[in-house]
Amino acid sequence: MYRRMMGLAVRRPGIIPALLGLAWASRRIGWYRRFPFLPIPPRSYLEWRLDTAYGEAEADPPERETLRYLNWTRRMRKGG
């Protein structure tokens, strides 16, 4: 999933702020103590999100839905 997000950022650089905001908002507690020392969401969180949305943790959502989710999270963090 992380690779997919990176590929999306390369193809659509305009979503990088939304990706960074989402990563920061859902970062692992104590992220700075564990390798890879990046404030990214734990895999268990991503699997849970995919499982609740698609019924399986290994789902591969379409790019359009991923972009819509990123835009939604950005709007929610801004307050509406």
N, C-alpha and C. Protein backbone atom coordinates (compact mmCIF):
# COMPACT_ATOMS: atom_id res chain seq x y z
N MET A 1 0.82 -1.19 0.00
CA MET A 1 0.00 0.00 0.00
C MET A 1 0.86 1.25 0.00
N TYR A 2 1.96 1.23 0.75
CA TYR A 2 2.83 2.41 0.78
C TYR A 2 3.41 2.69 -0.60
N ARG A 3 3.80 1.65 -1.32
CA ARG A 3 4.34 1.83 -2.67
C ARG A 3 3.30 2.43 -3.59
N ARG A 4 2.09 1.96 -3.45
CA ARG A 4 1.01 2.49 -4.29
C ARG A 4 0.82 3.98 -4.04
N MET A 5 0.85 4.38 -2.78
CA MET A 5 0.71 5.81 -2.45
C MET A 5 1.88 6.62 -3.01
N MET A 6 3.08 6.07 -2.93
CA MET A 6 4.24 6.78 -3.49
C MET A 6 4.10 6.92 -5.00
N GLY A 7 3.65 5.87 -5.66
CA GLY A 7 3.43 5.94 -7.10
C GLY A 7 2.38 6.98 -7.46
N LEU A 8 1.35 7.05 -6.66
CA LEU A 8 0.30 8.04 -6.87
C LEU A 8 0.87 9.45 -6.72
N ALA A 9 1.72 9.64 -5.73
CA ALA A 9 2.33 10.96 -5.51
C ALA A 9 3.23 11.35 -6.67
N VAL A 10 3.92 10.38 -7.25
CA VAL A 10 4.79 10.68 -8.40
C VAL A 10 3.95 11.10 -9.60
N ARG A 11 2.85 10.40 -9.82
CA ARG A 11 1.98 10.71 -10.95
C ARG A 11 1.16 11.97 -10.76
N ARG A 12 0.82 12.27 -9.50
CA ARG A 12 -0.02 13.43 -9.18
C ARG A 12 0.61 14.20 -8.01
N PRO A 13 1.62 14.99 -8.26
CA PRO A 13 2.33 15.70 -7.18
C PRO A 13 1.43 16.62 -6.36
N GLY A 14 0.32 17.03 -6.91
CA GLY A 14 -0.58 17.92 -6.17
C GLY A 14 -1.18 17.28 -4.93
N ILE A 15 -1.16 15.96 -4.84
CA ILE A 15 -1.74 15.31 -3.67
C ILE A 15 -0.72 15.07 -2.56
N ILE A 16 0.52 15.43 -2.78
CA ILE A 16 1.55 15.21 -1.76
C ILE A 16 1.19 15.86 -0.43
N PRO A 17 0.70 17.11 -0.41
CA PRO A 17 0.30 17.67 0.90
C PRO A 17 -0.78 16.85 1.59
N ALA A 18 -1.73 16.32 0.84
CA ALA A 18 -2.78 15.49 1.43
C ALA A 18 -2.20 14.19 1.98
N LEU A 19 -1.27 13.59 1.24
CA LEU A 19 -0.61 12.36 1.72
C LEU A 19 0.18 12.62 2.99
N LEU A 20 0.92 13.70 3.02
CA LEU A 20 1.71 14.02 4.21
C LEU A 20 0.82 14.32 5.41
N GLY A 21 -0.28 15.02 5.16
CA GLY A 21 -1.22 15.32 6.23
C GLY A 21 -1.85 14.06 6.79
N LEU A 22 -2.23 13.16 5.91
CA LEU A 22 -2.81 11.89 6.35
C LEU A 22 -1.79 11.06 7.12
N ALA A 23 -0.56 11.01 6.62
CA ALA A 23 0.49 10.25 7.31
C ALA A 23 0.72 10.82 8.72
N TRP A 24 0.76 12.13 8.83
CA TRP A 24 1.00 12.75 10.13
C TRP A 24 -0.18 12.51 11.07
N ALA A 25 -1.40 12.64 10.56
CA ALA A 25 -2.59 12.47 11.40
C ALA A 25 -2.76 11.04 11.89
N SER A 26 -2.29 10.07 11.12
CA SER A 26 -2.48 8.67 11.50
C SER A 26 -1.17 7.96 11.83
N ARG A 27 -0.16 8.74 12.19
CA ARG A 27 1.16 8.17 12.48
C ARG A 27 1.11 7.26 13.70
N ARG A 28 2.05 6.36 13.75
CA ARG A 28 2.17 5.43 14.87
C ARG A 28 2.71 6.17 16.10
N ILE A 29 2.17 5.86 17.25
CA ILE A 29 2.68 6.44 18.49
C ILE A 29 4.12 5.99 18.67
N GLY A 30 5.00 6.91 18.98
CA GLY A 30 6.41 6.60 19.16
C GLY A 30 7.12 6.27 17.85
N TRP A 31 6.64 6.81 16.74
CA TRP A 31 7.20 6.51 15.42
C TRP A 31 8.69 6.80 15.34
N TYR A 32 9.16 7.77 16.10
CA TYR A 32 10.57 8.17 16.05
C TYR A 32 11.49 7.18 16.78
N ARG A 33 10.92 6.17 17.43
CA ARG A 33 11.73 5.18 18.14
C ARG A 33 11.94 3.90 17.35
N ARG A 34 11.18 3.73 16.26
CA ARG A 34 11.24 2.47 15.50
C ARG A 34 11.60 2.72 14.05
N PHE A 35 12.40 1.81 13.52
CA PHE A 35 12.73 1.86 12.10
C PHE A 35 11.44 1.70 11.31
N PRO A 36 11.21 2.45 10.29
CA PRO A 36 12.08 3.30 9.49
C PRO A 36 12.12 4.75 9.94
N PHE A 37 11.70 5.06 11.16
CA PHE A 37 11.76 6.41 11.74
C PHE A 37 11.03 7.44 10.89
N LEU A 38 9.87 7.03 10.37
CA LEU A 38 9.02 7.92 9.58
C LEU A 38 7.63 7.98 10.21
N PRO A 39 7.01 9.14 10.19
CA PRO A 39 5.66 9.25 10.77
C PRO A 39 4.59 8.73 9.81
N ILE A 40 4.56 7.42 9.61
CA ILE A 40 3.59 6.82 8.71
C ILE A 40 2.64 5.94 9.51
N PRO A 41 1.44 5.71 8.98
CA PRO A 41 0.48 4.87 9.70
C PRO A 41 0.97 3.43 9.80
N PRO A 42 0.66 2.76 10.89
CA PRO A 42 1.02 1.34 10.99
C PRO A 42 0.25 0.52 9.97
N ARG A 43 0.86 -0.55 9.52
CA ARG A 43 0.22 -1.42 8.53
C ARG A 43 -1.13 -1.92 9.04
N SER A 44 -1.23 -2.18 10.33
CA SER A 44 -2.50 -2.67 10.89
C SER A 44 -3.62 -1.65 10.68
N TYR A 45 -3.30 -0.36 10.75
CA TYR A 45 -4.30 0.67 10.50
C TYR A 45 -4.76 0.64 9.05
N LEU A 46 -3.81 0.55 8.13
CA LEU A 46 -4.17 0.50 6.71
C LEU A 46 -4.99 -0.75 6.40
N GLU A 47 -4.61 -1.88 6.99
CA GLU A 47 -5.37 -3.10 6.76
C GLU A 47 -6.79 -2.98 7.31
N TRP A 48 -6.93 -2.36 8.47
CA TRP A 48 -8.25 -2.15 9.05
C TRP A 48 -9.10 -1.26 8.16
N ARG A 49 -8.50 -0.17 7.65
CA ARG A 49 -9.24 0.74 6.77
C ARG A 49 -9.72 -0.01 5.52
N LEU A 50 -8.85 -0.80 4.91
CA LEU A 50 -9.23 -1.54 3.71
C LEU A 50 -10.28 -2.61 4.01
N ASP A 51 -10.13 -3.27 5.15
CA ASP A 51 -11.08 -4.30 5.53
C ASP A 51 -12.47 -3.72 5.76
N THR A 52 -12.55 -2.58 6.43
CA THR A 52 -13.86 -1.98 6.69
C THR A 52 -14.47 -1.40 5.41
N ALA A 53 -13.65 -0.94 4.49
CA ALA A 53 -14.17 -0.35 3.26
C ALA A 53 -14.49 -1.39 2.18
N TYR A 54 -13.67 -2.43 2.07
CA TYR A 54 -13.79 -3.37 0.96
C TYR A 54 -14.03 -4.82 1.38
N GLY A 55 -14.02 -5.09 2.68
CA GLY A 55 -14.28 -6.44 3.14
C GLY A 55 -13.06 -7.34 3.16
N GLU A 56 -11.90 -6.82 2.80
CA GLU A 56 -10.67 -7.60 2.89
C GLU A 56 -9.48 -6.66 3.06
N ALA A 57 -8.56 -7.07 3.91
CA ALA A 57 -7.41 -6.23 4.25
C ALA A 57 -6.43 -6.08 3.09
N GLU A 58 -6.47 -6.98 2.15
CA GLU A 58 -5.53 -6.92 1.02
C GLU A 58 -6.18 -6.33 -0.23
N ALA A 59 -7.28 -5.62 -0.07
CA ALA A 59 -7.98 -5.03 -1.21
C ALA A 59 -7.08 -4.02 -1.92
N ASP A 60 -7.34 -3.83 -3.20
CA ASP A 60 -6.59 -2.89 -4.01
C ASP A 60 -7.58 -1.86 -4.57
N PRO A 61 -7.82 -0.77 -3.82
CA PRO A 61 -8.84 0.19 -4.25
C PRO A 61 -8.42 0.91 -5.53
N PRO A 62 -9.41 1.28 -6.33
CA PRO A 62 -9.10 2.04 -7.54
C PRO A 62 -8.47 3.39 -7.20
N GLU A 63 -7.65 3.89 -8.10
CA GLU A 63 -6.97 5.17 -7.87
C GLU A 63 -7.97 6.29 -7.60
N ARG A 64 -9.08 6.28 -8.31
CA ARG A 64 -10.10 7.32 -8.14
C ARG A 64 -10.61 7.36 -6.70
N GLU A 65 -10.85 6.20 -6.11
CA GLU A 65 -11.34 6.15 -4.73
C GLU A 65 -10.26 6.57 -3.74
N THR A 66 -9.02 6.23 -4.02
CA THR A 66 -7.92 6.66 -3.16
C THR A 66 -7.80 8.17 -3.17
N LEU A 67 -7.89 8.77 -4.34
CA LEU A 67 -7.83 10.23 -4.44
C LEU A 67 -9.00 10.88 -3.71
N ARG A 68 -10.18 10.30 -3.85
CA ARG A 68 -11.35 10.85 -3.17
C ARG A 68 -11.16 10.77 -1.66
N TYR A 69 -10.63 9.65 -1.17
CA TYR A 69 -10.38 9.50 0.27
C TYR A 69 -9.36 10.53 0.76
N LEU A 70 -8.28 10.73 0.00
CA LEU A 70 -7.27 11.71 0.40
C LEU A 70 -7.86 13.12 0.45
N ASN A 71 -8.65 13.47 -0.52
CA ASN A 71 -9.28 14.79 -0.52
C ASN A 71 -10.25 14.94 0.64
N TRP A 72 -10.99 13.88 0.95
CA TRP A 72 -11.92 13.92 2.07
C TRP A 72 -11.17 14.12 3.39
N THR A 73 -10.09 13.36 3.60
CA THR A 73 -9.35 13.51 4.85
C THR A 73 -8.75 14.90 4.97
N ARG A 74 -8.29 15.45 3.86
CA ARG A 74 -7.74 16.82 3.90
C ARG A 74 -8.82 17.82 4.31
N ARG A 75 -10.01 17.70 3.73
CA ARG A 75 -11.11 18.61 4.09
C ARG A 75 -11.49 18.45 5.56
N MET A 76 -11.54 17.22 6.05
CA MET A 76 -11.92 16.99 7.44
C MET A 76 -10.90 17.58 8.41
N ARG A 77 -9.62 17.47 8.08
CA ARG A 77 -8.59 18.04 8.94
C ARG A 77 -8.65 19.56 8.95
N LYS A 78 -9.12 20.15 7.85
CA LYS A 78 -9.24 21.61 7.77
C LYS A 78 -10.51 22.12 8.45
N GLY A 79 -11.39 21.21 8.79
CA GLY A 79 -12.60 21.60 9.49
C GLY A 79 -13.83 21.69 8.61
N GLY A 80 -13.85 20.94 7.54
CA GLY A 80 -15.08 20.92 6.78
C GLY A 80 -14.85 21.05 5.34
